[in-house]
Amino acid sequence: MAHEIRDAMPDDAAVIADFNSRMAEETEDRTLDHTVISAGVAALLADPGKGRYWVAIVDGEIVGQLMVTYEWSDWRNGTLWWIQSVYVHPEHRRKGVFAALYRHVESLAVAEPGVCGLRLYVERDNERAQKTYEALGMVKPSYLVMESILGR
């Protein structure tokens, strides 16, 4: 199955927001506020400084997505691309959609001066996703991600 990978466009915002909501429900059993996620997707699509989305297209339909945000690393004097908001429609899973998205983004990162690596976070219990990422060459670092989400 051929996958076309392209940069997301503002017209893709509704599908991306829907996919983000589905991902949160599937992976974290969380319901996202539609107004907030829609505004968040639109904000990123309008401001490349926040990040980038790519979408996978099959037969003219968006079937997957991947977002990258940026982290400056003074230790590496370069930028890490954080992979986030990964989603593949259930009917298209295990068909190479994520691999195509990942390889596309990886090739862009390699070609971009100053990008020193790719990172993502994955739920501890999501062994299937971890195996997928490992098969693409990703490794588990010794870091543990911690957070403090501000209630705004």
C-alpha atoms as a PDB file:
ATOM      1  CA  MET A   1       0.000   0.000   0.000  1.00  0.00           C
ATOM      2  CA  ALA A   2       1.479   3.355  -1.063  1.00  0.00           C
ATOM      3  CA  HIS A   3       1.507   6.111   1.523  1.00  0.00           C
ATOM      4  CA  GLU A   4       1.830   9.737   0.529  1.00  0.00           C
ATOM      5  CA  ILE A   5       3.425  11.762   3.333  1.00  0.00           C
ATOM      6  CA  ARG A   6       2.987  15.512   3.287  1.00  0.00           C
ATOM      7  CA  ASP A   7       3.062  18.519   5.574  1.00  0.00           C
ATOM      8  CA  ALA A   8      -0.257  19.118   7.242  1.00  0.00           C
ATOM      9  CA  MET A   9      -2.247  22.130   6.089  1.00  0.00           C
ATOM     10  CA  PRO A  10      -4.801  24.267   7.923  1.00  0.00           C
ATOM     11  CA  ASP A  11      -7.601  22.388   6.149  1.00  0.00           C
ATOM     12  CA  ASP A  12      -6.398  19.204   7.917  1.00  0.00           C
ATOM     13  CA  ALA A  13      -6.974  20.657  11.396  1.00  0.00           C
ATOM     14  CA  ALA A  14     -10.340  18.988  12.046  1.00  0.00           C
ATOM     15  CA  VAL A  15      -9.034  15.509  11.181  1.00  0.00           C
ATOM     16  CA  ILE A  16      -5.875  16.045  13.250  1.00  0.00           C
ATOM     17  CA  ALA A  17      -7.893  17.225  16.256  1.00  0.00           C
ATOM     18  CA  ASP A  18     -10.181  14.207  15.891  1.00  0.00           C
ATOM     19  CA  PHE A  19      -7.194  11.843  15.682  1.00  0.00           C
ATOM     20  CA  ASN A  20      -5.635  13.479  18.766  1.00  0.00           C
ATOM     21  CA  SER A  21      -8.866  12.954  20.676  1.00  0.00           C
ATOM     22  CA  ARG A  22      -9.027   9.308  19.598  1.00  0.00           C
ATOM     23  CA  MET A  23      -5.387   8.779  20.608  1.00  0.00           C
ATOM     24  CA  ALA A  24      -5.963  10.247  24.089  1.00  0.00           C
ATOM     25  CA  GLU A  25      -8.999   8.006  24.547  1.00  0.00           C
ATOM     26  CA  GLU A  26      -7.174   4.873  23.359  1.00  0.00           C
ATOM     27  CA  THR A  27      -3.850   5.364  25.131  1.00  0.00           C
ATOM     28  CA  GLU A  28      -4.757   7.225  28.313  1.00  0.00           C
ATOM     29  CA  ASP A  29      -8.535   6.770  28.622  1.00  0.00           C
ATOM     30  CA  ARG A  30      -8.801  10.581  28.550  1.00  0.00           C
ATOM     31  CA  THR A  31     -11.414  12.736  26.895  1.00  0.00           C
ATOM     32  CA  LEU A  32      -9.948  15.919  25.455  1.00  0.00           C
ATOM     33  CA  ASP A  33     -11.885  19.175  25.336  1.00  0.00           C
ATOM     34  CA  HIS A  34     -12.741  19.579  21.629  1.00  0.00           C
ATOM     35  CA  THR A  35     -12.465  23.381  21.768  1.00  0.00           C
ATOM     36  CA  VAL A  36      -9.030  23.265  23.384  1.00  0.00           C
ATOM     37  CA  ILE A  37      -7.549  20.578  21.118  1.00  0.00           C
ATOM     38  CA  SER A  38      -8.952  22.248  18.000  1.00  0.00           C
ATOM     39  CA  ALA A  39      -7.429  25.590  19.005  1.00  0.00           C
ATOM     40  CA  GLY A  40      -4.132  23.881  19.852  1.00  0.00           C
ATOM     41  CA  VAL A  41      -3.896  22.166  16.482  1.00  0.00           C
ATOM     42  CA  ALA A  42      -4.790  25.387  14.666  1.00  0.00           C
ATOM     43  CA  ALA A  43      -2.180  27.324  16.663  1.00  0.00           C
ATOM     44  CA  LEU A  44       0.595  24.919  15.724  1.00  0.00           C
ATOM     45  CA  LEU A  45      -0.416  24.844  12.067  1.00  0.00           C
ATOM     46  CA  ALA A  46      -0.340  28.659  12.031  1.00  0.00           C
ATOM     47  CA  ASP A  47       3.062  28.966  13.767  1.00  0.00           C
ATOM     48  CA  PRO A  48       5.944  26.781  12.489  1.00  0.00           C
ATOM     49  CA  GLY A  49       7.974  27.842  15.535  1.00  0.00           C
ATOM     50  CA  LYS A  50       5.716  25.672  17.675  1.00  0.00           C
ATOM     51  CA  GLY A  51       6.232  22.528  15.602  1.00  0.00           C
ATOM     52  CA  ARG A  52       5.064  20.680  12.526  1.00  0.00           C
ATOM     53  CA  TYR A  53       2.516  18.042  11.627  1.00  0.00           C
ATOM     54  CA  TRP A  54       2.815  15.548   8.805  1.00  0.00           C
ATOM     55  CA  VAL A  55      -0.031  13.399   7.573  1.00  0.00           C
ATOM     56  CA  ALA A  56      -0.129  10.068   5.765  1.00  0.00           C
ATOM     57  CA  ILE A  57      -2.573   9.857   2.883  1.00  0.00           C
ATOM     58  CA  VAL A  58      -4.019   6.677   1.364  1.00  0.00           C
ATOM     59  CA  ASP A  59      -6.495   6.957  -1.505  1.00  0.00           C
ATOM     60  CA  GLY A  60      -6.908  10.684  -0.846  1.00  0.00           C
ATOM     61  CA  GLU A  61      -7.778  10.200   2.833  1.00  0.00           C
ATOM     62  CA  ILE A  62      -5.705  11.113   5.908  1.00  0.00           C
ATOM     63  CA  VAL A  63      -5.023   7.845   7.708  1.00  0.00           C
ATOM     64  CA  GLY A  64      -2.185   8.846  10.043  1.00  0.00           C
ATOM     65  CA  GLN A  65      -0.359  11.748  11.585  1.00  0.00           C
ATOM     66  CA  LEU A  66       2.795  12.689  13.439  1.00  0.00           C
ATOM     67  CA  MET A  67       3.736  15.967  15.111  1.00  0.00           C
ATOM     68  CA  VAL A  68       7.192  17.273  16.008  1.00  0.00           C
ATOM     69  CA  THR A  69       8.023  19.938  18.570  1.00  0.00           C
ATOM     70  CA  TYR A  70      11.470  21.306  19.299  1.00  0.00           C
ATOM     71  CA  GLU A  71      13.812  21.188  22.291  1.00  0.00           C
ATOM     72  CA  TRP A  72      17.125  23.022  22.364  1.00  0.00           C
ATOM     73  CA  SER A  73      19.971  20.940  23.823  1.00  0.00           C
ATOM     74  CA  ASP A  74      22.894  22.951  25.125  1.00  0.00           C
ATOM     75  CA  TRP A  75      24.750  19.691  25.768  1.00  0.00           C
ATOM     76  CA  ARG A  76      24.601  18.882  22.064  1.00  0.00           C
ATOM     77  CA  ASN A  77      24.454  22.421  20.695  1.00  0.00           C
ATOM     78  CA  GLY A  78      21.554  21.273  18.602  1.00  0.00           C
ATOM     79  CA  THR A  79      17.813  20.749  18.457  1.00  0.00           C
ATOM     80  CA  LEU A  80      15.999  17.565  19.376  1.00  0.00           C
ATOM     81  CA  TRP A  81      12.773  16.879  17.531  1.00  0.00           C
ATOM     82  CA  TRP A  82      10.160  15.442  19.887  1.00  0.00           C
ATOM     83  CA  ILE A  83       7.691  13.166  18.117  1.00  0.00           C
ATOM     84  CA  GLN A  84       4.191  13.593  19.514  1.00  0.00           C
ATOM     85  CA  SER A  85       0.537  13.192  18.575  1.00  0.00           C
ATOM     86  CA  VAL A  86       1.165   9.984  16.647  1.00  0.00           C
ATOM     87  CA  TYR A  87      -2.001   8.355  15.413  1.00  0.00           C
ATOM     88  CA  VAL A  88      -2.863   5.848  12.731  1.00  0.00           C
ATOM     89  CA  HIS A  89      -6.500   5.068  11.964  1.00  0.00           C
ATOM     90  CA  PRO A  90      -7.305   1.521  13.192  1.00  0.00           C
ATOM     91  CA  GLU A  91      -8.106   0.272   9.663  1.00  0.00           C
ATOM     92  CA  HIS A  92      -4.587   1.219   8.550  1.00  0.00           C
ATOM     93  CA  ARG A  93      -2.510  -0.073  11.461  1.00  0.00           C
ATOM     94  CA  ARG A  94       0.216  -2.665  10.913  1.00  0.00           C
ATOM     95  CA  LYS A  95       0.420  -1.592   7.262  1.00  0.00           C
ATOM     96  CA  GLY A  96       3.520   0.600   7.411  1.00  0.00           C
ATOM     97  CA  VAL A  97       1.805   3.964   7.889  1.00  0.00           C
ATOM     98  CA  PHE A  98       3.717   4.935  11.021  1.00  0.00           C
ATOM     99  CA  ALA A  99       6.980   3.606   9.583  1.00  0.00           C
ATOM    100  CA  ALA A 100       6.462   5.785   6.494  1.00  0.00           C
ATOM    101  CA  LEU A 101       5.767   8.849   8.656  1.00  0.00           C
ATOM    102  CA  TYR A 102       8.758   8.130  10.880  1.00  0.00           C
ATOM    103  CA  ARG A 103      11.195   7.530   8.019  1.00  0.00           C
ATOM    104  CA  HIS A 104      10.011  10.719   6.311  1.00  0.00           C
ATOM    105  CA  VAL A 105      10.559  12.805   9.442  1.00  0.00           C
ATOM    106  CA  GLU A 106      13.855  11.059  10.169  1.00  0.00           C
ATOM    107  CA  SER A 107      15.137  11.911   6.679  1.00  0.00           C
ATOM    108  CA  LEU A 108      14.141  15.554   7.135  1.00  0.00           C
ATOM    109  CA  ALA A 109      15.861  15.676  10.531  1.00  0.00           C
ATOM    110  CA  VAL A 110      19.072  14.178   9.119  1.00  0.00           C
ATOM    111  CA  ALA A 111      19.067  16.747   6.309  1.00  0.00           C
ATOM    112  CA  GLU A 112      18.386  19.701   8.628  1.00  0.00           C
ATOM    113  CA  PRO A 113      21.572  21.308  10.008  1.00  0.00           C
ATOM    114  CA  GLY A 114      21.418  21.610  13.776  1.00  0.00           C
ATOM    115  CA  VAL A 115      19.008  18.743  14.405  1.00  0.00           C
ATOM    116  CA  CYS A 116      20.806  16.293  16.667  1.00  0.00           C
ATOM    117  CA  GLY A 117      18.170  13.655  17.341  1.00  0.00           C
ATOM    118  CA  LEU A 118      14.618  12.400  17.577  1.00  0.00           C
ATOM    119  CA  ARG A 119      12.802  11.593  20.803  1.00  0.00           C
ATOM    120  CA  LEU A 120       9.355  10.506  21.838  1.00  0.00           C
ATOM    121  CA  TYR A 121       7.592   9.365  24.930  1.00  0.00           C
ATOM    122  CA  VAL A 122       5.429   6.282  25.105  1.00  0.00           C
ATOM    123  CA  GLU A 123       3.170   4.849  27.783  1.00  0.00           C
ATOM    124  CA  ARG A 124       5.052   2.294  29.903  1.00  0.00           C
ATOM    125  CA  ASP A 125       2.416  -0.371  29.267  1.00  0.00           C
ATOM    126  CA  ASN A 126       2.241   0.182  25.506  1.00  0.00           C
ATOM    127  CA  GLU A 127       4.604  -2.643  24.612  1.00  0.00           C
ATOM    128  CA  ARG A 128       3.348  -2.901  21.049  1.00  0.00           C
ATOM    129  CA  ALA A 129       4.278   0.728  20.340  1.00  0.00           C
ATOM    130  CA  GLN A 130       7.646   0.276  22.065  1.00  0.00           C
ATOM    131  CA  LYS A 131       8.438  -2.686  19.828  1.00  0.00           C
ATOM    132  CA  THR A 132       7.472  -0.646  16.759  1.00  0.00           C
ATOM    133  CA  TYR A 133       9.797   2.191  17.796  1.00  0.00           C
ATOM    134  CA  GLU A 134      12.635  -0.217  18.560  1.00  0.00           C
ATOM    135  CA  ALA A 135      12.203  -1.873  15.147  1.00  0.00           C
ATOM    136  CA  LEU A 136      12.786   1.557  13.594  1.00  0.00           C
ATOM    137  CA  GLY A 137      16.076   1.918  15.472  1.00  0.00           C
ATOM    138  CA  MET A 138      14.990   3.895  18.521  1.00  0.00           C
ATOM    139  CA  VAL A 139      16.419   2.947  21.919  1.00  0.00           C
ATOM    140  CA  LYS A 140      15.278   3.448  25.498  1.00  0.00           C
ATOM    141  CA  PRO A 141      17.454   6.093  27.169  1.00  0.00           C
ATOM    142  CA  SER A 142      18.083   6.101  30.886  1.00  0.00           C
ATOM    143  CA  TYR A 143      15.917   9.185  31.367  1.00  0.00           C
ATOM    144  CA  LEU A 144      12.532   9.173  33.056  1.00  0.00           C
ATOM    145  CA  VAL A 145      10.150  11.944  32.001  1.00  0.00           C
ATOM    146  CA  MET A 146       8.550  13.924  34.812  1.00  0.00           C
ATOM    147  CA  GLU A 147       6.069  16.749  34.481  1.00  0.00           C
ATOM    148  CA  SER A 148       4.071  19.406  36.195  1.00  0.00           C
ATOM    149  CA  ILE A 149       1.055  20.423  34.126  1.00  0.00           C
ATOM    150  CA  LEU A 150      -0.114  23.894  35.050  1.00  0.00           C
ATOM    151  CA  GLY A 151      -3.871  24.180  35.545  1.00  0.00           C
ATOM    152  CA  ARG A 152      -4.702  27.055  33.236  1.00  0.00           C
END
